[in-house]
Amino acid sequence: MNKIEYKQSLNELKSGDVFKIVGFDESCRNFKQRLTDLGIHKGQLGQIINKSFFGPIEVDIDGRKLAIGRGMAKKIYVKKIKCPIL
């Protein structure tokens, strides 16, 4: 029996949320290469620094601050961590 796992995307989180990257949308090879160029990999921990109604989402991933566009954030799958560790 296959278990269907809900994938929460980065853009679904709120400011201050801590997360672990669990996967990416695999439909576009260029997207995965872009994330690699930015130093974003599966298993990294991060925190949403600022998420306003418009514009990019500001995140801290392994001590690096990045602004990620909302379209890109929809393709990054995360697991929310309840205990803030960053």
PDB file of N, CA and C in Angstrom:
ATOM      1  N   MET A   1       0.840  -1.186   0.000  1.00  0.00           N
ATOM      2  CA  MET A   1       0.000   0.000   0.000  1.00  0.00           C
ATOM      3  C   MET A   1       0.883   1.246   0.000  1.00  0.00           C
ATOM      4  N   ASN A   2       0.654   2.130  -0.916  1.00  0.00           N
ATOM      5  CA  ASN A   2       1.430   3.367  -1.003  1.00  0.00           C
ATOM      6  C   ASN A   2       0.879   4.406  -0.039  1.00  0.00           C
ATOM      7  N   LYS A   3       1.772   5.035   0.691  1.00  0.00           N
ATOM      8  CA  LYS A   3       1.376   6.095   1.605  1.00  0.00           C
ATOM      9  C   LYS A   3       1.600   7.425   0.899  1.00  0.00           C
ATOM     10  N   ILE A   4       0.548   8.239   0.814  1.00  0.00           N
ATOM     11  CA  ILE A   4       0.654   9.551   0.191  1.00  0.00           C
ATOM     12  C   ILE A   4       1.035  10.545   1.272  1.00  0.00           C
ATOM     13  N   GLU A   5       2.149  11.199   1.091  1.00  0.00           N
ATOM     14  CA  GLU A   5       2.645  12.163   2.064  1.00  0.00           C
ATOM     15  C   GLU A   5       2.362  13.577   1.563  1.00  0.00           C
ATOM     16  N   TYR A   6       1.800  14.402   2.447  1.00  0.00           N
ATOM     17  CA  TYR A   6       1.535  15.787   2.100  1.00  0.00           C
ATOM     18  C   TYR A   6       2.857  16.536   2.050  1.00  0.00           C
ATOM     19  N   LYS A   7       3.078  17.264   0.985  1.00  0.00           N
ATOM     20  CA  LYS A   7       4.281  18.064   0.839  1.00  0.00           C
ATOM     21  C   LYS A   7       3.925  19.518   1.089  1.00  0.00           C
ATOM     22  N   GLN A   8       4.481  20.083   2.154  1.00  0.00           N
ATOM     23  CA  GLN A   8       4.258  21.484   2.472  1.00  0.00           C
ATOM     24  C   GLN A   8       5.335  22.293   1.771  1.00  0.00           C
ATOM     25  N   SER A   9       4.921  23.309   1.038  1.00  0.00           N
ATOM     26  CA  SER A   9       5.917  24.114   0.335  1.00  0.00           C
ATOM     27  C   SER A   9       6.376  25.272   1.219  1.00  0.00           C
ATOM     28  N   LEU A  10       7.527  25.804   0.893  1.00  0.00           N
ATOM     29  CA  LEU A  10       8.137  26.876   1.666  1.00  0.00           C
ATOM     30  C   LEU A  10       7.220  28.094   1.752  1.00  0.00           C
ATOM     31  N   ASN A  11       6.472  28.369   0.700  1.00  0.00           N
ATOM     32  CA  ASN A  11       5.617  29.564   0.714  1.00  0.00           C
ATOM     33  C   ASN A  11       4.394  29.424   1.618  1.00  0.00           C
ATOM     34  N   GLU A  12       4.149  28.245   2.176  1.00  0.00           N
ATOM     35  CA  GLU A  12       3.025  28.041   3.090  1.00  0.00           C
ATOM     36  C   GLU A  12       3.374  28.388   4.538  1.00  0.00           C
ATOM     37  N   LEU A  13       4.648  28.580   4.827  1.00  0.00           N
ATOM     38  CA  LEU A  13       5.072  28.883   6.193  1.00  0.00           C
ATOM     39  C   LEU A  13       4.903  30.362   6.498  1.00  0.00           C
ATOM     40  N   LYS A  14       4.991  30.696   7.794  1.00  0.00           N
ATOM     41  CA  LYS A  14       4.849  32.081   8.247  1.00  0.00           C
ATOM     42  C   LYS A  14       6.187  32.601   8.753  1.00  0.00           C
ATOM     43  N   SER A  15       6.271  33.911   8.919  1.00  0.00           N
ATOM     44  CA  SER A  15       7.494  34.518   9.468  1.00  0.00           C
ATOM     45  C   SER A  15       7.817  33.898  10.821  1.00  0.00           C
ATOM     46  N   GLY A  16       9.098  33.565  11.007  1.00  0.00           N
ATOM     47  CA  GLY A  16       9.546  32.969  12.251  1.00  0.00           C
ATOM     48  C   GLY A  16       9.538  31.454  12.269  1.00  0.00           C
ATOM     49  N   ASP A  17       8.856  30.815  11.316  1.00  0.00           N
ATOM     50  CA  ASP A  17       8.799  29.355  11.278  1.00  0.00           C
ATOM     51  C   ASP A  17      10.171  28.770  10.947  1.00  0.00           C
ATOM     52  N   VAL A  18      10.483  27.680  11.616  1.00  0.00           N
ATOM     53  CA  VAL A  18      11.723  26.944  11.377  1.00  0.00           C
ATOM     54  C   VAL A  18      11.372  25.708  10.557  1.00  0.00           C
ATOM     55  N   PHE A  19      12.229  25.348   9.606  1.00  0.00           N
ATOM     56  CA  PHE A  19      11.909  24.248   8.704  1.00  0.00           C
ATOM     57  C   PHE A  19      13.149  23.448   8.336  1.00  0.00           C
ATOM     58  N   LYS A  20      12.882  22.248   7.802  1.00  0.00           N
ATOM     59  CA  LYS A  20      13.927  21.399   7.222  1.00  0.00           C
ATOM     60  C   LYS A  20      13.519  21.130   5.782  1.00  0.00           C
ATOM     61  N   ILE A  21      14.442  21.288   4.856  1.00  0.00           N
ATOM     62  CA  ILE A  21      14.151  21.044   3.437  1.00  0.00           C
ATOM     63  C   ILE A  21      14.110  19.529   3.216  1.00  0.00           C
ATOM     64  N   VAL A  22      12.980  19.055   2.666  1.00  0.00           N
ATOM     65  CA  VAL A  22      12.808  17.614   2.447  1.00  0.00           C
ATOM     66  C   VAL A  22      12.773  17.233   0.974  1.00  0.00           C
ATOM     67  N   GLY A  23      12.651  18.206   0.080  1.00  0.00           N
ATOM     68  CA  GLY A  23      12.639  17.867  -1.337  1.00  0.00           C
ATOM     69  C   GLY A  23      12.350  19.070  -2.216  1.00  0.00           C
ATOM     70  N   PHE A  24      12.347  18.797  -3.521  1.00  0.00           N
ATOM     71  CA  PHE A  24      12.137  19.842  -4.516  1.00  0.00           C
ATOM     72  C   PHE A  24      11.221  19.315  -5.608  1.00  0.00           C
ATOM     73  N   ASP A  25      10.593  20.223  -6.329  1.00  0.00           N
ATOM     74  CA  ASP A  25       9.817  19.858  -7.505  1.00  0.00           C
ATOM     75  C   ASP A  25      10.814  19.354  -8.545  1.00  0.00           C
ATOM     76  N   GLU A  26      10.644  18.127  -8.958  1.00  0.00           N
ATOM     77  CA  GLU A  26      11.607  17.497  -9.869  1.00  0.00           C
ATOM     78  C   GLU A  26      11.275  17.729 -11.343  1.00  0.00           C
ATOM     79  N   SER A  27      10.243  18.503 -11.640  1.00  0.00           N
ATOM     80  CA  SER A  27       9.800  18.640 -13.029  1.00  0.00           C
ATOM     81  C   SER A  27      10.731  19.506 -13.882  1.00  0.00           C
ATOM     82  N   CYS A  28      11.589  20.290 -13.252  1.00  0.00           N
ATOM     83  CA  CYS A  28      12.454  21.191 -14.015  1.00  0.00           C
ATOM     84  C   CYS A  28      13.914  21.035 -13.572  1.00  0.00           C
ATOM     85  N   ARG A  29      14.759  20.560 -14.467  1.00  0.00           N
ATOM     86  CA  ARG A  29      16.167  20.348 -14.134  1.00  0.00           C
ATOM     87  C   ARG A  29      16.881  21.682 -13.877  1.00  0.00           C
ATOM     88  N   ASN A  30      16.519  22.720 -14.620  1.00  0.00           N
ATOM     89  CA  ASN A  30      17.143  24.023 -14.424  1.00  0.00           C
ATOM     90  C   ASN A  30      16.875  24.574 -13.028  1.00  0.00           C
ATOM     91  N   PHE A  31      15.684  24.279 -12.488  1.00  0.00           N
ATOM     92  CA  PHE A  31      15.329  24.731 -11.141  1.00  0.00           C
ATOM     93  C   PHE A  31      16.260  24.099 -10.105  1.00  0.00           C
ATOM     94  N   LYS A  32      16.452  22.809 -10.211  1.00  0.00           N
ATOM     95  CA  LYS A  32      17.323  22.112  -9.257  1.00  0.00           C
ATOM     96  C   LYS A  32      18.759  22.629  -9.365  1.00  0.00           C
ATOM     97  N   GLN A  33      19.215  22.922 -10.567  1.00  0.00           N
ATOM     98  CA  GLN A  33      20.562  23.467 -10.753  1.00  0.00           C
ATOM     99  C   GLN A  33      20.670  24.850 -10.131  1.00  0.00           C
ATOM    100  N   ARG A  34      19.621  25.653 -10.261  1.00  0.00           N
ATOM    101  CA  ARG A  34      19.611  26.997  -9.664  1.00  0.00           C
ATOM    102  C   ARG A  34      19.720  26.906  -8.142  1.00  0.00           C
ATOM    103  N   LEU A  35      18.998  25.965  -7.534  1.00  0.00           N
ATOM    104  CA  LEU A  35      19.081  25.780  -6.083  1.00  0.00           C
ATOM    105  C   LEU A  35      20.486  25.339  -5.673  1.00  0.00           C
ATOM    106  N   THR A  36      21.075  24.457  -6.444  1.00  0.00           N
ATOM    107  CA  THR A  36      22.441  24.018  -6.167  1.00  0.00           C
ATOM    108  C   THR A  36      23.396  25.193  -6.246  1.00  0.00           C
ATOM    109  N   ASP A  37      23.218  26.053  -7.237  1.00  0.00           N
ATOM    110  CA  ASP A  37      24.054  27.250  -7.371  1.00  0.00           C
ATOM    111  C   ASP A  37      23.912  28.177  -6.161  1.00  0.00           C
ATOM    112  N   LEU A  38      22.714  28.215  -5.576  1.00  0.00           N
ATOM    113  CA  LEU A  38      22.474  29.039  -4.392  1.00  0.00           C
ATOM    114  C   LEU A  38      22.936  28.354  -3.101  1.00  0.00           C
ATOM    115  N   GLY A  39      23.326  27.081  -3.213  1.00  0.00           N
ATOM    116  CA  GLY A  39      23.776  26.342  -2.030  1.00  0.00           C
ATOM    117  C   GLY A  39      22.635  25.769  -1.212  1.00  0.00           C
ATOM    118  N   ILE A  40      21.486  25.552  -1.848  1.00  0.00           N
ATOM    119  CA  ILE A  40      20.323  24.995  -1.163  1.00  0.00           C
ATOM    120  C   ILE A  40      20.222  23.512  -1.492  1.00  0.00           C
ATOM    121  N   HIS A  41      20.209  22.686  -0.431  1.00  0.00           N
ATOM    122  CA  HIS A  41      20.190  21.232  -0.606  1.00  0.00           C
ATOM    123  C   HIS A  41      19.188  20.597   0.351  1.00  0.00           C
ATOM    124  N   LYS A  42      18.784  19.392   0.025  1.00  0.00           N
ATOM    125  CA  LYS A  42      17.900  18.615   0.882  1.00  0.00           C
ATOM    126  C   LYS A  42      18.582  18.389   2.239  1.00  0.00           C
ATOM    127  N   GLY A  43      17.803  18.476   3.306  1.00  0.00           N
ATOM    128  CA  GLY A  43      18.325  18.212   4.648  1.00  0.00           C
ATOM    129  C   GLY A  43      18.766  19.458   5.409  1.00  0.00           C
ATOM    130  N   GLN A  44      18.848  20.595   4.742  1.00  0.00           N
ATOM    131  CA  GLN A  44      19.276  21.824   5.418  1.00  0.00           C
ATOM    132  C   GLN A  44      18.155  22.378   6.287  1.00  0.00           C
ATOM    133  N   LEU A  45      18.564  23.070   7.356  1.00  0.00           N
ATOM    134  CA  LEU A  45      17.619  23.735   8.243  1.00  0.00           C
ATOM    135  C   LEU A  45      17.565  25.215   7.909  1.00  0.00           C
ATOM    136  N   GLY A  46      16.403  25.821   8.124  1.00  0.00           N
ATOM    137  CA  GLY A  46      16.256  27.239   7.850  1.00  0.00           C
ATOM    138  C   GLY A  46      15.144  27.855   8.668  1.00  0.00           C
ATOM    139  N   GLN A  47      15.010  29.160   8.517  1.00  0.00           N
ATOM    140  CA  GLN A  47      13.962  29.899   9.206  1.00  0.00           C
ATOM    141  C   GLN A  47      13.466  31.017   8.299  1.00  0.00           C
ATOM    142  N   ILE A  48      12.151  31.244   8.314  1.00  0.00           N
ATOM    143  CA  ILE A  48      11.571  32.351   7.566  1.00  0.00           C
ATOM    144  C   ILE A  48      11.865  33.625   8.345  1.00  0.00           C
ATOM    145  N   ILE A  49      12.561  34.551   7.715  1.00  0.00           N
ATOM    146  CA  ILE A  49      12.897  35.820   8.372  1.00  0.00           C
ATOM    147  C   ILE A  49      11.778  36.825   8.163  1.00  0.00           C
ATOM    148  N   ASN A  50      11.327  36.951   6.925  1.00  0.00           N
ATOM    149  CA  ASN A  50      10.287  37.938   6.615  1.00  0.00           C
ATOM    150  C   ASN A  50       9.455  37.420   5.461  1.00  0.00           C
ATOM    151  N   LYS A  51       8.145  37.459   5.648  1.00  0.00           N
ATOM    152  CA  LYS A  51       7.227  37.070   4.581  1.00  0.00           C
ATOM    153  C   LYS A  51       6.093  38.079   4.573  1.00  0.00           C
ATOM    154  N   SER A  52       6.157  39.011   3.644  1.00  0.00           N
ATOM    155  CA  SER A  52       5.107  40.006   3.523  1.00  0.00           C
ATOM    156  C   SER A  52       4.078  39.512   2.500  1.00  0.00           C
ATOM    157  N   PHE A  53       3.064  40.315   2.237  1.00  0.00           N
ATOM    158  CA  PHE A  53       2.021  39.904   1.304  1.00  0.00           C
ATOM    159  C   PHE A  53       2.519  39.839  -0.137  1.00  0.00           C
ATOM    160  N   PHE A  54       3.513  40.644  -0.465  1.00  0.00           N
ATOM    161  CA  PHE A  54       4.043  40.672  -1.820  1.00  0.00           C
ATOM    162  C   PHE A  54       5.563  40.587  -1.770  1.00  0.00           C
ATOM    163  N   GLY A  55       6.164  40.228  -2.874  1.00  0.00           N
ATOM    164  CA  GLY A  55       7.616  40.189  -2.958  1.00  0.00           C
ATOM    165  C   GLY A  55       8.197  38.867  -2.500  1.00  0.00           C
ATOM    166  N   PRO A  56       9.525  38.789  -2.505  1.00  0.00           N
ATOM    167  CA  PRO A  56      10.182  37.534  -2.153  1.00  0.00           C
ATOM    168  C   PRO A  56      10.068  37.204  -0.666  1.00  0.00           C
ATOM    169  N   ILE A  57      10.323  35.943  -0.364  1.00  0.00           N
ATOM    170  CA  ILE A  57      10.341  35.466   1.011  1.00  0.00           C
ATOM    171  C   ILE A  57      11.796  35.473   1.466  1.00  0.00           C
ATOM    172  N   GLU A  58      12.065  36.146   2.574  1.00  0.00           N
ATOM    173  CA  GLU A  58      13.426  36.198   3.107  1.00  0.00           C
ATOM    174  C   GLU A  58      13.629  35.033   4.069  1.00  0.00           C
ATOM    175  N   VAL A  59      14.680  34.255   3.826  1.00  0.00           N
ATOM    176  CA  VAL A  59      14.959  33.083   4.654  1.00  0.00           C
ATOM    177  C   VAL A  59      16.417  33.088   5.107  1.00  0.00           C
ATOM    178  N   ASP A  60      16.653  32.385   6.191  1.00  0.00           N
ATOM    179  CA  ASP A  60      18.009  32.119   6.664  1.00  0.00           C
ATOM    180  C   ASP A  60      18.190  30.611   6.560  1.00  0.00           C
ATOM    181  N   ILE A  61      19.079  30.171   5.693  1.00  0.00           N
ATOM    182  CA  ILE A  61      19.345  28.743   5.521  1.00  0.00           C
ATOM    183  C   ILE A  61      20.803  28.501   5.853  1.00  0.00           C
ATOM    184  N   ASP A  62      21.019  27.748   6.914  1.00  0.00           N
ATOM    185  CA  ASP A  62      22.374  27.439   7.389  1.00  0.00           C
ATOM    186  C   ASP A  62      23.229  28.691   7.542  1.00  0.00           C
ATOM    187  N   GLY A  63      22.643  29.745   8.097  1.00  0.00           N
ATOM    188  CA  GLY A  63      23.387  30.968   8.376  1.00  0.00           C
ATOM    189  C   GLY A  63      23.517  31.940   7.220  1.00  0.00           C
ATOM    190  N   ARG A  64      22.943  31.614   6.075  1.00  0.00           N
ATOM    191  CA  ARG A  64      22.985  32.516   4.917  1.00  0.00           C
ATOM    192  C   ARG A  64      21.608  33.097   4.685  1.00  0.00           C
ATOM    193  N   LYS A  65      21.536  34.390   4.533  1.00  0.00           N
ATOM    194  CA  LYS A  65      20.260  35.051   4.282  1.00  0.00           C
ATOM    195  C   LYS A  65      20.020  35.145   2.773  1.00  0.00           C
ATOM    196  N   LEU A  66      18.844  34.678   2.352  1.00  0.00           N
ATOM    197  CA  LEU A  66      18.490  34.657   0.937  1.00  0.00           C
ATOM    198  C   LEU A  66      17.084  35.206   0.740  1.00  0.00           C
ATOM    199  N   ALA A  67      16.840  35.811  -0.402  1.00  0.00           N
ATOM    200  CA  ALA A  67      15.497  36.222  -0.803  1.00  0.00           C
ATOM    201  C   ALA A  67      15.068  35.271  -1.915  1.00  0.00           C
ATOM    202  N   ILE A  68      13.998  34.524  -1.666  1.00  0.00           N
ATOM    203  CA  ILE A  68      13.530  33.514  -2.609  1.00  0.00           C
ATOM    204  C   ILE A  68      12.179  33.956  -3.158  1.00  0.00           C
ATOM    205  N   GLY A  69      12.067  34.010  -4.463  1.00  0.00           N
ATOM    206  CA  GLY A  69      10.806  34.375  -5.100  1.00  0.00           C
ATOM    207  C   GLY A  69       9.706  33.387  -4.762  1.00  0.00           C
ATOM    208  N   ARG A  70       8.475  33.849  -4.786  1.00  0.00           N
ATOM    209  CA  ARG A  70       7.347  32.999  -4.398  1.00  0.00           C
ATOM    210  C   ARG A  70       7.155  31.807  -5.330  1.00  0.00           C
ATOM    211  N   GLY A  71       7.422  31.987  -6.616  1.00  0.00           N
ATOM    212  CA  GLY A  71       7.316  30.864  -7.546  1.00  0.00           C
ATOM    213  C   GLY A  71       8.319  29.773  -7.223  1.00  0.00           C
ATOM    214  N   MET A  72       9.519  30.182  -6.882  1.00  0.00           N
ATOM    215  CA  MET A  72      10.561  29.230  -6.501  1.00  0.00           C
ATOM    216  C   MET A  72      10.205  28.581  -5.153  1.00  0.00           C
ATOM    217  N   ALA A  73       9.682  29.363  -4.222  1.00  0.00           N
ATOM    218  CA  ALA A  73       9.336  28.854  -2.887  1.00  0.00           C
ATOM    219  C   ALA A  73       8.252  27.781  -2.965  1.00  0.00           C
ATOM    220  N   LYS A  74       7.359  27.872  -3.962  1.00  0.00           N
ATOM    221  CA  LYS A  74       6.314  26.853  -4.123  1.00  0.00           C
ATOM    222  C   LYS A  74       6.887  25.500  -4.490  1.00  0.00           C
ATOM    223  N   LYS A  75       8.090  25.487  -5.050  1.00  0.00           N
ATOM    224  CA  LYS A  75       8.703  24.245  -5.515  1.00  0.00           C
ATOM    225  C   LYS A  75       9.705  23.658  -4.529  1.00  0.00           C
ATOM    226  N   ILE A  76       9.852  24.296  -3.364  1.00  0.00           N
ATOM    227  CA  ILE A  76      10.742  23.787  -2.321  1.00  0.00           C
ATOM    228  C   ILE A  76       9.863  23.195  -1.224  1.00  0.00           C
ATOM    229  N   TYR A  77       9.999  21.886  -0.999  1.00  0.00           N
ATOM    230  CA  TYR A  77       9.168  21.198  -0.020  1.00  0.00           C
ATOM    231  C   TYR A  77       9.904  21.111   1.311  1.00  0.00           C
ATOM    232  N   VAL A  78       9.169  21.405   2.381  1.00  0.00           N
ATOM    233  CA  VAL A  78       9.770  21.503   3.706  1.00  0.00           C
ATOM    234  C   VAL A  78       8.926  20.777   4.743  1.00  0.00           C
ATOM    235  N   LYS A  79       9.569  20.524   5.881  1.00  0.00           N
ATOM    236  CA  LYS A  79       8.882  20.005   7.056  1.00  0.00           C
ATOM    237  C   LYS A  79       9.054  21.049   8.147  1.00  0.00           C
ATOM    238  N   LYS A  80       7.944  21.541   8.682  1.00  0.00           N
ATOM    239  CA  LYS A  80       8.004  22.555   9.735  1.00  0.00           C
ATOM    240  C   LYS A  80       8.491  21.906  11.034  1.00  0.00           C
ATOM    241  N   ILE A  81       9.415  22.608  11.698  1.00  0.00           N
ATOM    242  CA  ILE A  81       9.945  22.138  12.966  1.00  0.00           C
ATOM    243  C   ILE A  81       9.348  23.016  14.059  1.00  0.00           C
ATOM    244  N   LYS A  82       8.735  22.397  15.048  1.00  0.00           N
ATOM    245  CA  LYS A  82       8.010  23.161  16.064  1.00  0.00           C
ATOM    246  C   LYS A  82       8.927  23.889  17.036  1.00  0.00           C
ATOM    247  N   CYS A  83      10.064  23.336  17.354  1.00  0.00           N
ATOM    248  CA  CYS A  83      10.961  23.942  18.323  1.00  0.00           C
ATOM    249  C   CYS A  83      11.967  24.844  17.602  1.00  0.00           C
ATOM    250  N   PRO A  84      11.901  26.171  17.805  1.00  0.00           N
ATOM    251  CA  PRO A  84      12.874  27.055  17.137  1.00  0.00           C
ATOM    252  C   PRO A  84      14.293  26.752  17.614  1.00  0.00           C
ATOM    253  N   ILE A  85      15.149  26.391  16.672  1.00  0.00           N
ATOM    254  CA  ILE A  85      16.514  26.042  17.033  1.00  0.00           C
ATOM    255  C   ILE A  85      17.528  26.978  16.417  1.00  0.00           C
ATOM    256  N   LEU A  86      17.085  27.886  15.581  1.00  0.00           N
ATOM    257  CA  LEU A  86      18.020  28.812  14.932  1.00  0.00           C
ATOM    258  C   LEU A  86      18.000  30.150  15.609  1.00  0.00           C
TER     259      LEU A  86
END
